[in-house]
C-alpha atoms as a PDB file:
ATOM      1  CA  MET A   1      97.199  98.131 166.067  1.00  0.00           C
ATOM      2  CA  MET A   2      94.601  97.102 163.585  1.00  0.00           C
ATOM      3  CA  TYR A   3      95.499  94.663 160.876  1.00  0.00           C
ATOM      4  CA  TYR A   4      93.531  94.880 157.610  1.00  0.00           C
ATOM      5  CA  ASP A   5      94.357  91.896 155.395  1.00  0.00           C
ATOM      6  CA  HIS A   6      93.083  93.165 152.017  1.00  0.00           C
ATOM      7  CA  GLY A   7      94.098  96.785 152.250  1.00  0.00           C
ATOM      8  CA  MET A   8      96.593  98.459 149.966  1.00  0.00           C
ATOM      9  CA  ASN A   9      99.706  99.987 151.463  1.00  0.00           C
ATOM     10  CA  GLY A  10     102.312 102.263 149.836  1.00  0.00           C
ATOM     11  CA  TRP A  11     103.747  99.489 147.682  1.00  0.00           C
ATOM     12  CA  GLY A  12     100.319  98.637 146.323  1.00  0.00           C
ATOM     13  CA  TYR A  13      99.677 102.205 145.203  1.00  0.00           C
ATOM     14  CA  GLY A  14     103.129 102.430 143.678  1.00  0.00           C
ATOM     15  CA  LEU A  15     102.737  99.168 141.752  1.00  0.00           C
ATOM     16  CA  MET A  16      99.263 100.205 140.559  1.00  0.00           C
ATOM     17  CA  MET A  17     100.607 103.532 139.267  1.00  0.00           C
ATOM     18  CA  PHE A  18     103.561 101.780 137.571  1.00  0.00           C
ATOM     19  CA  GLY A  19     101.187  99.240 135.985  1.00  0.00           C
ATOM     20  CA  MET A  20      98.925 101.950 134.591  1.00  0.00           C
ATOM     21  CA  LEU A  21     101.893 103.873 133.169  1.00  0.00           C
ATOM     22  CA  LEU A  22     103.137 100.658 131.563  1.00  0.00           C
ATOM     23  CA  VAL A  23      99.701  99.962 130.011  1.00  0.00           C
ATOM     24  CA  TRP A  24      99.456 103.498 128.602  1.00  0.00           C
ATOM     25  CA  ALA A  25     103.008 103.365 127.261  1.00  0.00           C
ATOM     26  CA  LEU A  26     102.277 100.048 125.512  1.00  0.00           C
ATOM     27  CA  LEU A  27      99.048 101.427 123.987  1.00  0.00           C
ATOM     28  CA  ILE A  28     100.782 104.557 122.718  1.00  0.00           C
ATOM     29  CA  ALA A  29     103.708 102.564 121.302  1.00  0.00           C
ATOM     30  CA  ALA A  30     101.280 100.195 119.536  1.00  0.00           C
ATOM     31  CA  GLY A  31      99.431 103.187 118.048  1.00  0.00           C
ATOM     32  CA  VAL A  32     102.658 104.778 116.791  1.00  0.00           C
ATOM     33  CA  ALA A  33     103.849 101.471 115.338  1.00  0.00           C
ATOM     34  CA  LEU A  34     100.515 100.955 113.556  1.00  0.00           C
ATOM     35  CA  PHE A  35     100.565 104.508 112.181  1.00  0.00           C
ATOM     36  CA  ARG A  36     104.120 104.135 110.873  1.00  0.00           C
ATOM     37  CA  TYR A  37     103.300 100.770 109.286  1.00  0.00           C
ATOM     38  CA  LEU A  38     100.243 102.142 107.499  1.00  0.00           C
ATOM     39  CA  ALA A  39     102.104 105.259 106.372  1.00  0.00           C
ATOM     40  CA  ARG A  40     104.914 103.143 104.906  1.00  0.00           C
ATOM     41  CA  THR A  41     102.669 100.735 102.972  1.00  0.00           C
ATOM     42  CA  GLN A  42     100.505 103.417 101.314  1.00  0.00           C
ATOM     43  CA  PRO A  43     102.096 105.649  98.657  1.00  0.00           C
ATOM     44  CA  HIS A  44     102.199 109.342  99.520  1.00  0.00           C
ATOM     45  CA  HIS A  45     101.383 110.374  95.966  1.00  0.00           C
ATOM     46  CA  ALA A  46     100.463 108.738  92.721  1.00  0.00           C
ATOM     47  CA  ALA A  47     103.266 107.686  90.431  1.00  0.00           C
ATOM     48  CA  PRO A  48     103.844 110.054  87.527  1.00  0.00           C
ATOM     49  CA  PRO A  49     102.312 108.942  84.258  1.00  0.00           C
ATOM     50  CA  PRO A  50     104.649 107.256  81.811  1.00  0.00           C
ATOM     51  CA  PRO A  51     106.124 109.539  79.158  1.00  0.00           C
ATOM     52  CA  PRO A  52     104.389 109.551  75.807  1.00  0.00           C
ATOM     53  CA  PRO A  53     105.901 107.284  73.191  1.00  0.00           C
ATOM     54  CA  ALA A  54     108.477 108.843  70.947  1.00  0.00           C
ATOM     55  CA  PRO A  55     107.068 109.879  67.605  1.00  0.00           C
ATOM     56  CA  ALA A  56     107.825 107.439  64.846  1.00  0.00           C
ATOM     57  CA  ALA A  57     110.180 108.585  62.134  1.00  0.00           C
ATOM     58  CA  ARG A  58     108.182 110.418  59.524  1.00  0.00           C
ATOM     59  CA  GLU A  59     107.936 108.675  56.243  1.00  0.00           C
ATOM     60  CA  ARG A  60     108.821 110.519  53.135  1.00  0.00           C
ATOM     61  CA  THR A  61     105.669 112.428  52.259  1.00  0.00           C
ATOM     62  CA  ASP A  62     104.233 113.350  48.935  1.00  0.00           C
ATOM     63  CA  PRO A  63     105.627 116.617  47.486  1.00  0.00           C
ATOM     64  CA  GLU A  64     102.117 117.990  47.199  1.00  0.00           C
ATOM     65  CA  GLN A  65     101.593 117.359  50.925  1.00  0.00           C
ATOM     66  CA  LEU A  66     104.821 119.169  51.742  1.00  0.00           C
ATOM     67  CA  LEU A  67     103.747 122.078  49.598  1.00  0.00           C
ATOM     68  CA  ALA A  68     100.343 122.192  51.313  1.00  0.00           C
ATOM     69  CA  GLU A  69     102.025 122.119  54.745  1.00  0.00           C
ATOM     70  CA  ARG A  70     104.277 125.032  53.787  1.00  0.00           C
ATOM     71  CA  LEU A  71     101.189 127.003  52.695  1.00  0.00           C
ATOM     72  CA  ALA A  72      99.443 126.140  55.971  1.00  0.00           C
ATOM     73  CA  ARG A  73     102.438 127.313  58.001  1.00  0.00           C
ATOM     74  CA  GLY A  74     102.513 130.568  56.051  1.00  0.00           C
ATOM     75  CA  GLU A  75     105.927 129.980  54.505  1.00  0.00           C
ATOM     76  CA  ILE A  76     104.615 130.583  50.979  1.00  0.00           C
ATOM     77  CA  GLU A  77     101.788 132.657  49.509  1.00  0.00           C
ATOM     78  CA  PRO A  78      98.733 131.089  47.829  1.00  0.00           C
ATOM     79  CA  ASP A  79      99.905 132.317  44.407  1.00  0.00           C
ATOM     80  CA  GLU A  80     103.315 130.685  44.868  1.00  0.00           C
ATOM     81  CA  TYR A  81     101.552 127.520  46.073  1.00  0.00           C
ATOM     82  CA  ARG A  82      99.459 127.317  42.896  1.00  0.00           C
ATOM     83  CA  GLN A  83     102.511 127.911  40.691  1.00  0.00           C
ATOM     84  CA  ARG A  84     104.560 125.240  42.408  1.00  0.00           C
ATOM     85  CA  LEU A  85     101.634 122.820  42.452  1.00  0.00           C
ATOM     86  CA  ASP A  86     101.127 123.297  38.703  1.00  0.00           C
ATOM     87  CA  ALA A  87     104.856 122.758  38.146  1.00  0.00           C
ATOM     88  CA  LEU A  88     104.759 119.538  40.203  1.00  0.00           C
ATOM     89  CA  ARG A  89     101.735 118.207  38.370  1.00  0.00           C
ATOM     90  CA  ALA A  90     103.127 119.152  34.938  1.00  0.00           C
ATOM     91  CA  GLY A  91     106.387 117.292  35.602  1.00  0.00           C
ATOM     92  CA  ARG A  92     104.634 114.167  36.878  1.00  0.00           C
ATOM     93  CA  PRO A  93     103.395 111.594  34.391  1.00  0.00           C
ATOM     94  CA  GLY A  94      99.634 111.034  34.452  1.00  0.00           C
ATOM     95  CA  PRO A  95      98.067 107.853  35.862  1.00  0.00           C
ATOM     96  CA  GLY A  96      97.800 104.816  33.618  1.00  0.00           C
END
């Protein structure tokens, strides 16, 4: 019988195969862990923009402005606008 001191027998091949499977399993697990860590730290989508500020309460406007707005919206005719504007100006005291 011939004795070869540095040869690999059945146990050597088995341990080598187990070692390679262990190395690959560790590499794959490290890759999955890295992927999950990076996916968790980065947002998936941008945060929605903040809502616009609520409009401030409208101050009491000038009657002539209100009349002009009603004309612009089409609530009154131009003739009615002129009549009402004349009535507003006639009832208001002049400056100074």
